PDB file of N, CA and C in Angstrom:
ATOM      1  N   MET A   1      15.595  -6.909  -3.303  1.00  0.00           N
ATOM      2  CA  MET A   1      15.671  -7.810  -4.042  1.00  0.00           C
ATOM      3  C   MET A   1      15.981  -7.714  -5.318  1.00  0.00           C
ATOM      4  N   ASN A   2      16.762  -8.710  -5.886  1.00  0.00           N
ATOM      5  CA  ASN A   2      17.730  -8.457  -7.028  1.00  0.00           C
ATOM      6  C   ASN A   2      16.717  -8.629  -8.207  1.00  0.00           C
ATOM      7  N   SER A   3      17.528  -8.005  -9.021  1.00  0.00           N
ATOM      8  CA  SER A   3      16.741  -7.081 -10.578  1.00  0.00           C
ATOM      9  C   SER A   3      16.062  -8.692 -11.246  1.00  0.00           C
ATOM     10  N   TRP A   4      17.170  -9.676 -11.554  1.00  0.00           N
ATOM     11  CA  TRP A   4      16.576 -10.924 -12.085  1.00  0.00           C
ATOM     12  C   TRP A   4      15.633 -11.711 -11.353  1.00  0.00           C
ATOM     13  N   LYS A   5      15.503 -11.119 -10.086  1.00  0.00           N
ATOM     14  CA  LYS A   5      14.376 -12.068  -9.332  1.00  0.00           C
ATOM     15  C   LYS A   5      12.923 -11.324  -9.354  1.00  0.00           C
ATOM     16  N   ILE A   6      13.113 -10.113  -9.688  1.00  0.00           N
ATOM     17  CA  ILE A   6      12.085  -9.008 -10.047  1.00  0.00           C
ATOM     18  C   ILE A   6      11.392 -10.007 -11.225  1.00  0.00           C
ATOM     19  N   ARG A   7      12.435  -9.985 -12.031  1.00  0.00           N
ATOM     20  CA  ARG A   7      11.815 -10.234 -13.741  1.00  0.00           C
ATOM     21  C   ARG A   7      11.462 -11.417 -13.657  1.00  0.00           C
ATOM     22  N   PHE A   8      11.996 -13.002 -12.555  1.00  0.00           N
ATOM     23  CA  PHE A   8      11.777 -14.135 -13.065  1.00  0.00           C
ATOM     24  C   PHE A   8      10.235 -13.992 -12.390  1.00  0.00           C
ATOM     25  N   LEU A   9       9.920 -13.062 -11.020  1.00  0.00           N
ATOM     26  CA  LEU A   9       8.574 -13.460 -10.713  1.00  0.00           C
ATOM     27  C   LEU A   9       7.524 -13.083 -11.506  1.00  0.00           C
ATOM     28  N   GLY A  10       7.911 -11.889 -12.524  1.00  0.00           N
ATOM     29  CA  GLY A  10       7.082 -11.392 -13.578  1.00  0.00           C
ATOM     30  C   GLY A  10       6.662 -12.429 -14.711  1.00  0.00           C
ATOM     31  N   VAL A  11       7.686 -13.039 -14.967  1.00  0.00           N
ATOM     32  CA  VAL A  11       7.612 -14.404 -16.111  1.00  0.00           C
ATOM     33  C   VAL A  11       6.508 -15.140 -15.484  1.00  0.00           C
ATOM     34  N   ALA A  12       7.215 -15.379 -14.028  1.00  0.00           N
ATOM     35  CA  ALA A  12       6.090 -16.506 -13.241  1.00  0.00           C
ATOM     36  C   ALA A  12       4.887 -16.380 -13.021  1.00  0.00           C
ATOM     37  N   LEU A  13       4.207 -14.886 -13.049  1.00  0.00           N
ATOM     38  CA  LEU A  13       2.951 -14.646 -13.031  1.00  0.00           C
ATOM     39  C   LEU A  13       2.123 -14.592 -14.436  1.00  0.00           C
ATOM     40  N   MET A  14       3.042 -14.120 -15.206  1.00  0.00           N
ATOM     41  CA  MET A  14       2.429 -14.411 -16.224  1.00  0.00           C
ATOM     42  C   MET A  14       2.088 -15.789 -17.031  1.00  0.00           C
ATOM     43  N   VAL A  15       2.773 -16.809 -16.720  1.00  0.00           N
ATOM     44  CA  VAL A  15       2.634 -18.214 -17.454  1.00  0.00           C
ATOM     45  C   VAL A  15       1.343 -18.471 -16.081  1.00  0.00           C
ATOM     46  N   LEU A  16       1.089 -17.944 -14.743  1.00  0.00           N
ATOM     47  CA  LEU A  16       0.491 -18.638 -14.034  1.00  0.00           C
ATOM     48  C   LEU A  16      -0.892 -18.163 -14.543  1.00  0.00           C
ATOM     49  N   GLY A  17      -0.939 -16.878 -15.003  1.00  0.00           N
ATOM     50  CA  GLY A  17      -1.937 -16.048 -15.289  1.00  0.00           C
ATOM     51  C   GLY A  17      -2.348 -17.063 -16.946  1.00  0.00           C
ATOM     52  N   GLY A  18      -1.709 -17.271 -17.636  1.00  0.00           N
ATOM     53  CA  GLY A  18      -1.862 -18.022 -18.632  1.00  0.00           C
ATOM     54  C   GLY A  18      -2.238 -19.090 -18.430  1.00  0.00           C
ATOM     55  N   PHE A  19      -1.650 -20.253 -17.283  1.00  0.00           N
ATOM     56  CA  PHE A  19      -2.771 -21.438 -16.450  1.00  0.00           C
ATOM     57  C   PHE A  19      -3.739 -21.212 -16.112  1.00  0.00           C
ATOM     58  N   LEU A  20      -4.194 -20.346 -15.478  1.00  0.00           N
ATOM     59  CA  LEU A  20      -5.513 -20.038 -15.148  1.00  0.00           C
ATOM     60  C   LEU A  20      -6.729 -19.053 -15.949  1.00  0.00           C
ATOM     61  N   PHE A  21      -5.841 -18.758 -17.088  1.00  0.00           N
ATOM     62  CA  PHE A  21      -6.816 -18.747 -18.121  1.00  0.00           C
ATOM     63  C   PHE A  21      -7.549 -19.837 -18.643  1.00  0.00           C
ATOM     64  N   VAL A  22      -6.093 -21.053 -19.615  1.00  0.00           N
ATOM     65  CA  VAL A  22      -6.709 -22.192 -20.024  1.00  0.00           C
ATOM     66  C   VAL A  22      -7.865 -22.882 -18.821  1.00  0.00           C
ATOM     67  N   TRP A  23      -7.415 -23.075 -17.463  1.00  0.00           N
ATOM     68  CA  TRP A  23      -8.391 -23.479 -16.583  1.00  0.00           C
ATOM     69  C   TRP A  23      -9.333 -23.636 -16.543  1.00  0.00           C
ATOM     70  N   SER A  24      -9.556 -22.112 -16.737  1.00  0.00           N
ATOM     71  CA  SER A  24     -10.802 -21.202 -16.321  1.00  0.00           C
ATOM     72  C   SER A  24     -11.665 -21.835 -17.835  1.00  0.00           C
ATOM     73  N   VAL A  25     -11.320 -21.517 -18.608  1.00  0.00           N
ATOM     74  CA  VAL A  25     -12.029 -21.919 -19.811  1.00  0.00           C
ATOM     75  C   VAL A  25     -12.566 -23.256 -19.959  1.00  0.00           C
ATOM     76  N   ARG A  26     -11.414 -24.094 -20.281  1.00  0.00           N
ATOM     77  CA  ARG A  26     -11.927 -25.373 -20.520  1.00  0.00           C
ATOM     78  C   ARG A  26     -12.128 -26.281 -19.106  1.00  0.00           C
ATOM     79  N   ASP A  27     -11.867 -26.318 -17.922  1.00  0.00           N
ATOM     80  CA  ASP A  27     -12.619 -27.219 -17.141  1.00  0.00           C
ATOM     81  C   ASP A  27     -13.159 -26.462 -15.944  1.00  0.00           C
ATOM     82  N   ILE A  28     -13.429 -25.422 -15.908  1.00  0.00           N
ATOM     83  CA  ILE A  28     -14.649 -24.812 -14.949  1.00  0.00           C
ATOM     84  C   ILE A  28     -16.196 -24.535 -15.402  1.00  0.00           C
ATOM     85  N   THR A  29     -16.868 -25.072 -15.139  1.00  0.00           N
ATOM     86  CA  THR A  29     -17.879 -25.096 -15.437  1.00  0.00           C
ATOM     87  C   THR A  29     -19.250 -23.995 -15.285  1.00  0.00           C
ATOM     88  N   ALA A  30     -19.370 -24.220 -14.143  1.00  0.00           N
ATOM     89  CA  ALA A  30     -19.887 -22.796 -13.266  1.00  0.00           C
ATOM     90  C   ALA A  30     -19.874 -21.679 -13.725  1.00  0.00           C
ATOM     91  N   GLU A  31     -20.180 -20.140 -13.909  1.00  0.00           N
ATOM     92  CA  GLU A  31     -20.581 -19.360 -14.276  1.00  0.00           C
ATOM     93  C   GLU A  31     -19.474 -18.586 -13.906  1.00  0.00           C
ATOM     94  N   TRP A  32     -19.797 -18.243 -12.263  1.00  0.00           N
ATOM     95  CA  TRP A  32     -19.399 -17.427 -11.251  1.00  0.00           C
ATOM     96  C   TRP A  32     -17.851 -17.752 -10.796  1.00  0.00           C
ATOM     97  N   PRO A  33     -17.379 -19.026 -10.676  1.00  0.00           N
ATOM     98  CA  PRO A  33     -15.918 -19.213 -10.655  1.00  0.00           C
ATOM     99  C   PRO A  33     -15.156 -19.113 -11.492  1.00  0.00           C
ATOM    100  N   GLN A  34     -15.708 -19.333 -13.110  1.00  0.00           N
ATOM    101  CA  GLN A  34     -15.197 -18.858 -14.252  1.00  0.00           C
ATOM    102  C   GLN A  34     -14.602 -17.775 -14.670  1.00  0.00           C
ATOM    103  N   ILE A  35     -15.344 -16.513 -13.958  1.00  0.00           N
ATOM    104  CA  ILE A  35     -15.656 -15.197 -14.009  1.00  0.00           C
ATOM    105  C   ILE A  35     -13.974 -14.906 -13.231  1.00  0.00           C
ATOM    106  N   PHE A  36     -14.474 -15.393 -11.440  1.00  0.00           N
ATOM    107  CA  PHE A  36     -13.137 -14.859 -10.906  1.00  0.00           C
ATOM    108  C   PHE A  36     -12.385 -15.569 -10.951  1.00  0.00           C
ATOM    109  N   VAL A  37     -11.963 -16.802 -11.546  1.00  0.00           N
ATOM    110  CA  VAL A  37     -10.390 -17.424 -11.768  1.00  0.00           C
ATOM    111  C   VAL A  37      -9.956 -16.776 -13.274  1.00  0.00           C
ATOM    112  N   GLY A  38     -10.961 -16.118 -13.501  1.00  0.00           N
ATOM    113  CA  GLY A  38     -10.548 -15.526 -15.572  1.00  0.00           C
ATOM    114  C   GLY A  38     -10.053 -14.136 -14.918  1.00  0.00           C
ATOM    115  N   LEU A  39     -10.678 -13.737 -13.691  1.00  0.00           N
ATOM    116  CA  LEU A  39     -10.192 -12.141 -13.736  1.00  0.00           C
ATOM    117  C   LEU A  39      -8.783 -12.116 -12.499  1.00  0.00           C
ATOM    118  N   LEU A  40      -8.980 -13.617 -12.483  1.00  0.00           N
ATOM    119  CA  LEU A  40      -7.410 -13.466 -11.287  1.00  0.00           C
ATOM    120  C   LEU A  40      -6.154 -13.945 -13.015  1.00  0.00           C
ATOM    121  N   SER A  41      -6.517 -14.609 -13.629  1.00  0.00           N
ATOM    122  CA  SER A  41      -5.848 -15.336 -14.674  1.00  0.00           C
ATOM    123  C   SER A  41      -5.467 -13.541 -15.245  1.00  0.00           C
ATOM    124  N   VAL A  42      -5.895 -12.521 -15.614  1.00  0.00           N
ATOM    125  CA  VAL A  42      -6.111 -11.338 -16.288  1.00  0.00           C
ATOM    126  C   VAL A  42      -5.321 -10.366 -15.368  1.00  0.00           C
ATOM    127  N   PHE A  43      -5.455 -10.444 -14.115  1.00  0.00           N
ATOM    128  CA  PHE A  43      -4.921 -10.032 -12.833  1.00  0.00           C
ATOM    129  C   PHE A  43      -3.296 -10.156 -12.813  1.00  0.00           C
ATOM    130  N   SER A  44      -3.078 -11.414 -12.568  1.00  0.00           N
ATOM    131  CA  SER A  44      -1.685 -12.055 -12.845  1.00  0.00           C
ATOM    132  C   SER A  44      -0.737 -12.010 -13.986  1.00  0.00           C
ATOM    133  N   THR A  45      -1.519 -11.795 -14.731  1.00  0.00           N
ATOM    134  CA  THR A  45      -0.732 -11.459 -16.305  1.00  0.00           C
ATOM    135  C   THR A  45      -0.476  -9.828 -16.427  1.00  0.00           C
ATOM    136  N   ALA A  46      -1.352  -9.104 -15.704  1.00  0.00           N
ATOM    137  CA  ALA A  46      -0.770  -7.881 -15.767  1.00  0.00           C
ATOM    138  C   ALA A  46       0.328  -7.837 -15.078  1.00  0.00           C
ATOM    139  N   MET A  47       0.225  -7.852 -13.910  1.00  0.00           N
ATOM    140  CA  MET A  47       0.823  -7.821 -12.944  1.00  0.00           C
ATOM    141  C   MET A  47       2.470  -8.273 -13.356  1.00  0.00           C
ATOM    142  N   GLY A  48       2.558  -9.677 -13.731  1.00  0.00           N
ATOM    143  CA  GLY A  48       3.883 -10.287 -14.421  1.00  0.00           C
ATOM    144  C   GLY A  48       3.870  -9.193 -15.001  1.00  0.00           C
ATOM    145  N   PHE A  49       3.243  -8.954 -16.420  1.00  0.00           N
ATOM    146  CA  PHE A  49       3.731  -7.853 -17.548  1.00  0.00           C
ATOM    147  C   PHE A  49       4.537  -6.562 -16.844  1.00  0.00           C
ATOM    148  N   GLY A  50       3.729  -5.762 -15.851  1.00  0.00           N
ATOM    149  CA  GLY A  50       4.313  -4.930 -15.327  1.00  0.00           C
ATOM    150  C   GLY A  50       5.501  -5.021 -14.667  1.00  0.00           C
ATOM    151  N   LEU A  51       5.880  -6.506 -13.763  1.00  0.00           N
ATOM    152  CA  LEU A  51       7.022  -6.320 -13.311  1.00  0.00           C
ATOM    153  C   LEU A  51       8.138  -6.638 -14.308  1.00  0.00           C
ATOM    154  N   LEU A  52       7.867  -7.183 -15.172  1.00  0.00           N
ATOM    155  CA  LEU A  52       8.675  -7.747 -16.271  1.00  0.00           C
ATOM    156  C   LEU A  52       9.629  -6.504 -16.832  1.00  0.00           C
ATOM    157  N   ILE A  53       8.337  -5.435 -17.036  1.00  0.00           N
ATOM    158  CA  ILE A  53       9.051  -4.362 -18.249  1.00  0.00           C
ATOM    159  C   ILE A  53       9.292  -3.020 -17.265  1.00  0.00           C
ATOM    160  N   MET A  54       8.944  -3.322 -15.883  1.00  0.00           N
ATOM    161  CA  MET A  54       9.473  -2.312 -15.208  1.00  0.00           C
ATOM    162  C   MET A  54      10.750  -1.531 -14.876  1.00  0.00           C
ATOM    163  N   PRO A  55      10.903  -0.083 -15.031  1.00  0.00           N
ATOM    164  CA  PRO A  55      12.876  -0.093 -14.967  1.00  0.00           C
ATOM    165  C   PRO A  55      13.222   0.151 -13.521  1.00  0.00           C
ATOM    166  N   LEU A  56      14.177  -0.953 -13.572  1.00  0.00           N
ATOM    167  CA  LEU A  56      15.071  -1.213 -12.458  1.00  0.00           C
ATOM    168  C   LEU A  56      16.449  -0.633 -12.429  1.00  0.00           C
ATOM    169  N   GLU A  57      16.712   0.243 -11.518  1.00  0.00           N
ATOM    170  CA  GLU A  57      17.688   1.064 -11.006  1.00  0.00           C
ATOM    171  C   GLU A  57      18.696   0.547  -9.689  1.00  0.00           C
ATOM    172  N   ASP A  58      20.254   0.742 -10.003  1.00  0.00           N
ATOM    173  CA  ASP A  58      20.790   0.386  -8.491  1.00  0.00           C
ATOM    174  C   ASP A  58      20.139   1.565  -7.892  1.00  0.00           C
ATOM    175  N   LEU A  59      20.186   1.308  -6.811  1.00  0.00           N
ATOM    176  CA  LEU A  59      20.010   2.038  -5.357  1.00  0.00           C
ATOM    177  C   LEU A  59      20.542   3.790  -5.533  1.00  0.00           C
ATOM    178  N   THR A  60      21.530   3.031  -5.739  1.00  0.00           N
ATOM    179  CA  THR A  60      23.059   4.385  -6.059  1.00  0.00           C
ATOM    180  C   THR A  60      22.822   5.547  -7.053  1.00  0.00           C
ATOM    181  N   GLU A  61      22.299   5.086  -8.000  1.00  0.00           N
ATOM    182  CA  GLU A  61      21.688   5.628  -9.508  1.00  0.00           C
ATOM    183  C   GLU A  61      20.222   6.263  -8.668  1.00  0.00           C
ATOM    184  N   VAL A  62      19.930   6.070  -8.073  1.00  0.00           N
ATOM    185  CA  VAL A  62      18.570   6.967  -7.849  1.00  0.00           C
ATOM    186  C   VAL A  62      19.009   7.730  -6.805  1.00  0.00           C
ATOM    187  N   GLU A  63      19.577   7.927  -5.751  1.00  0.00           N
ATOM    188  CA  GLU A  63      20.144   8.408  -4.671  1.00  0.00           C
ATOM    189  C   GLU A  63      21.124   9.659  -5.670  1.00  0.00           C
ATOM    190  N   SER A  64      21.422   9.407  -6.812  1.00  0.00           N
ATOM    191  CA  SER A  64      22.426  10.370  -7.205  1.00  0.00           C
ATOM    192  C   SER A  64      21.788  11.442  -8.414  1.00  0.00           C
ATOM    193  N   LYS A  65      20.666  10.968  -8.943  1.00  0.00           N
ATOM    194  CA  LYS A  65      19.778  11.402  -9.436  1.00  0.00           C
ATOM    195  C   LYS A  65      18.864  12.502  -8.912  1.00  0.00           C
ATOM    196  N   ASN A  66      18.342  11.703  -7.267  1.00  0.00           N
ATOM    197  CA  ASN A  66      17.185  12.874  -6.667  1.00  0.00           C
ATOM    198  C   ASN A  66      18.393  13.999  -5.993  1.00  0.00           C
ATOM    199  N   ASN A  67      19.677  13.867  -5.505  1.00  0.00           N
ATOM    200  CA  ASN A  67      20.627  14.680  -5.240  1.00  0.00           C
ATOM    201  C   ASN A  67      20.689  15.642  -6.410  1.00  0.00           C
ATOM    202  N   LEU A  68      20.955  15.399  -7.482  1.00  0.00           N
ATOM    203  CA  LEU A  68      21.027  16.169  -8.877  1.00  0.00           C
ATOM    204  C   LEU A  68      19.295  17.367  -9.318  1.00  0.00           C
ATOM    205  N   GLU A  69      18.720  16.478  -8.879  1.00  0.00           N
ATOM    206  CA  GLU A  69      17.003  16.910  -9.282  1.00  0.00           C
ATOM    207  C   GLU A  69      17.207  18.068  -7.573  1.00  0.00           C
ATOM    208  N   THR A  70      17.463  17.607  -6.730  1.00  0.00           N
ATOM    209  CA  THR A  70      17.454  18.745  -5.405  1.00  0.00           C
ATOM    210  C   THR A  70      18.026  19.961  -5.355  1.00  0.00           C
ATOM    211  N   LYS A  71      19.255  19.950  -5.821  1.00  0.00           N
ATOM    212  CA  LYS A  71      20.070  20.778  -6.019  1.00  0.00           C
ATOM    213  C   LYS A  71      19.863  21.761  -7.245  1.00  0.00           C
ATOM    214  N   LYS A  72      18.948  21.132  -8.361  1.00  0.00           N
ATOM    215  CA  LYS A  72      18.649  21.855  -9.207  1.00  0.00           C
ATOM    216  C   LYS A  72      17.721  22.601  -9.030  1.00  0.00           C
ATOM    217  N   HIS A  73      16.376  22.234  -8.186  1.00  0.00           N
ATOM    218  CA  HIS A  73      15.127  22.755  -7.973  1.00  0.00           C
ATOM    219  C   HIS A  73      15.919  23.989  -7.180  1.00  0.00           C
ATOM    220  N   HIS A  74      16.978  23.716  -6.316  1.00  0.00           N
ATOM    221  CA  HIS A  74      17.008  24.725  -5.150  1.00  0.00           C
ATOM    222  C   HIS A  74      17.771  25.956  -5.874  1.00  0.00           C
ATOM    223  N   ASN A  75      18.775  25.376  -6.796  1.00  0.00           N
ATOM    224  CA  ASN A  75      18.930  26.842  -7.655  1.00  0.00           C
ATOM    225  C   ASN A  75      18.684  27.450  -8.687  1.00  0.00           C
ATOM    226  N   ASP A  76      17.138  26.666  -8.988  1.00  0.00           N
ATOM    227  CA  ASP A  76      16.297  27.437  -9.859  1.00  0.00           C
ATOM    228  C   ASP A  76      15.329  28.075  -8.499  1.00  0.00           C
ATOM    229  N   PHE A  77      14.928  27.887  -7.413  1.00  0.00           N
ATOM    230  CA  PHE A  77      14.526  28.785  -6.082  1.00  0.00           C
ATOM    231  C   PHE A  77      15.681  29.954  -6.273  1.00  0.00           C
ATOM    232  N   LEU A  78      16.685  29.619  -5.987  1.00  0.00           N
ATOM    233  CA  LEU A  78      17.012  31.045  -5.544  1.00  0.00           C
ATOM    234  C   LEU A  78      17.467  31.955  -6.524  1.00  0.00           C
ATOM    235  N   VAL A  79      17.332  31.160  -8.172  1.00  0.00           N
ATOM    236  CA  VAL A  79      17.572  32.193  -9.062  1.00  0.00           C
ATOM    237  C   VAL A  79      16.067  32.923  -9.292  1.00  0.00           C
ATOM    238  N   ASP A  80      15.113  32.402  -9.060  1.00  0.00           N
ATOM    239  CA  ASP A  80      13.835  32.384  -9.159  1.00  0.00           C
ATOM    240  C   ASP A  80      13.828  34.160  -7.725  1.00  0.00           C
ATOM    241  N   GLN A  81      14.445  33.976  -6.424  1.00  0.00           N
ATOM    242  CA  GLN A  81      14.516  34.815  -5.839  1.00  0.00           C
ATOM    243  C   GLN A  81      14.992  36.332  -5.885  1.00  0.00           C
ATOM    244  N   GLU A  82      16.413  35.886  -6.547  1.00  0.00           N
ATOM    245  CA  GLU A  82      16.862  36.972  -6.965  1.00  0.00           C
ATOM    246  C   GLU A  82      15.537  37.751  -8.499  1.00  0.00           C
ATOM    247  N   ASP A  83      15.426  37.198  -9.133  1.00  0.00           N
ATOM    248  CA  ASP A  83      14.648  37.736 -10.391  1.00  0.00           C
ATOM    249  C   ASP A  83      13.121  38.973  -9.525  1.00  0.00           C
ATOM    250  N   LEU A  84      12.836  38.220  -8.590  1.00  0.00           N
ATOM    251  CA  LEU A  84      11.496  39.187  -7.606  1.00  0.00           C
ATOM    252  C   LEU A  84      12.373  40.224  -7.217  1.00  0.00           C
ATOM    253  N   HIS A  85      13.598  39.977  -6.606  1.00  0.00           N
ATOM    254  CA  HIS A  85      14.367  41.297  -5.909  1.00  0.00           C
ATOM    255  C   HIS A  85      14.624  42.548  -7.269  1.00  0.00           C
ATOM    256  N   SER A  86      15.044  42.184  -8.636  1.00  0.00           N
ATOM    257  CA  SER A  86      15.114  42.880  -9.347  1.00  0.00           C
ATOM    258  C   SER A  86      13.837  43.511  -9.888  1.00  0.00           C
ATOM    259  N   SER A  87      13.043  42.793  -9.895  1.00  0.00           N
ATOM    260  CA  SER A  87      11.472  43.559 -10.637  1.00  0.00           C
ATOM    261  C   SER A  87      10.713  44.154  -9.770  1.00  0.00           C
ATOM    262  N   LEU A  88      11.156  44.085  -8.199  1.00  0.00           N
ATOM    263  CA  LEU A  88      10.458  44.811  -7.055  1.00  0.00           C
ATOM    264  C   LEU A  88      11.318  46.420  -7.264  1.00  0.00           C
ATOM    265  N   PRO A  89       9.914  47.288  -7.504  1.00  0.00           N
ATOM    266  CA  PRO A  89      10.464  49.246  -7.412  1.00  0.00           C
ATOM    267  C   PRO A  89      11.440  49.087  -6.443  1.00  0.00           C
ATOM    268  N   GLN A  90      12.493  50.212  -7.411  1.00  0.00           N
ATOM    269  CA  GLN A  90      13.485  50.500  -6.050  1.00  0.00           C
ATOM    270  C   GLN A  90      12.841  51.558  -5.841  1.00  0.00           C
ATOM    271  N   HIS A  91      13.741  52.059  -4.237  1.00  0.00           N
ATOM    272  CA  HIS A  91      13.020  52.630  -3.549  1.00  0.00           C
ATOM    273  C   HIS A  91      12.988  54.575  -3.780  1.00  0.00           C
ATOM    274  N   THR A  92      11.738  54.900  -3.473  1.00  0.00           N
ATOM    275  CA  THR A  92      11.489  56.427  -4.702  1.00  0.00           C
ATOM    276  C   THR A  92      11.202  57.707  -3.646  1.00  0.00           C
ATOM    277  N   ASN A  93      11.078  58.254  -3.524  1.00  0.00           N
ATOM    278  CA  ASN A  93      11.661  59.253  -2.491  1.00  0.00           C
ATOM    279  C   ASN A  93       9.832  59.945  -2.106  1.00  0.00           C
ATOM    280  N   ILE A  94       9.084  59.609  -2.237  1.00  0.00           N
ATOM    281  CA  ILE A  94       7.330  59.899  -2.448  1.00  0.00           C
ATOM    282  C   ILE A  94       7.378  59.616  -0.747  1.00  0.00           C
ATOM    283  N   PRO A  95       6.699  60.868  -0.646  1.00  0.00           N
ATOM    284  CA  PRO A  95       6.470  60.953   0.691  1.00  0.00           C
ATOM    285  C   PRO A  95       5.053  60.247   1.580  1.00  0.00           C
ATOM    286  N   ILE A  96       5.154  59.350   2.546  1.00  0.00           N
ATOM    287  CA  ILE A  96       4.373  58.605   2.864  1.00  0.00           C
ATOM    288  C   ILE A  96       2.769  59.238   2.690  1.00  0.00           C
ATOM    289  N   SER A  97       2.356  60.362   3.164  1.00  0.00           N
ATOM    290  CA  SER A  97       1.577  60.981   2.893  1.00  0.00           C
ATOM    291  C   SER A  97       0.603  60.952   1.391  1.00  0.00           C
ATOM    292  N   HIS A  98       1.244  60.647   0.638  1.00  0.00           N
ATOM    293  CA  HIS A  98       1.008  61.386  -0.868  1.00  0.00           C
ATOM    294  C   HIS A  98       0.583  59.612  -1.775  1.00  0.00           C
ATOM    295  N   LEU A  99       0.657  58.675  -0.413  1.00  0.00           N
ATOM    296  CA  LEU A  99       0.279  57.382  -0.892  1.00  0.00           C
ATOM    297  C   LEU A  99      -1.028  57.006  -0.192  1.00  0.00           C
ATOM    298  N   LYS A 100      -1.695  57.733   0.508  1.00  0.00           N
ATOM    299  CA  LYS A 100      -2.949  57.645   1.055  1.00  0.00           C
ATOM    300  C   LYS A 100      -4.119  57.792   0.019  1.00  0.00           C
TER     301      LYS A 100
END
């Protein structure tokens, strides 16, 4: 889905939420339907706002970022392995019988 379609859907949901809210307050007189339509208006407005401000990136940008992060984590793992080897005690000439 193109980014402009997602942004348009967000604006449309916000407008729908506004209309539902006005309809709920002005025209609905029964208590429970007014509550449910009011909650639906808040939900659609929140989802629309979320879609409107959601960061969108191209698929190639996301893949290149993931590849860079994977390489960084792999290199960090290799460095940690080297640190582990250097911190281990080196071979000593203590006989095994003394270790008991």
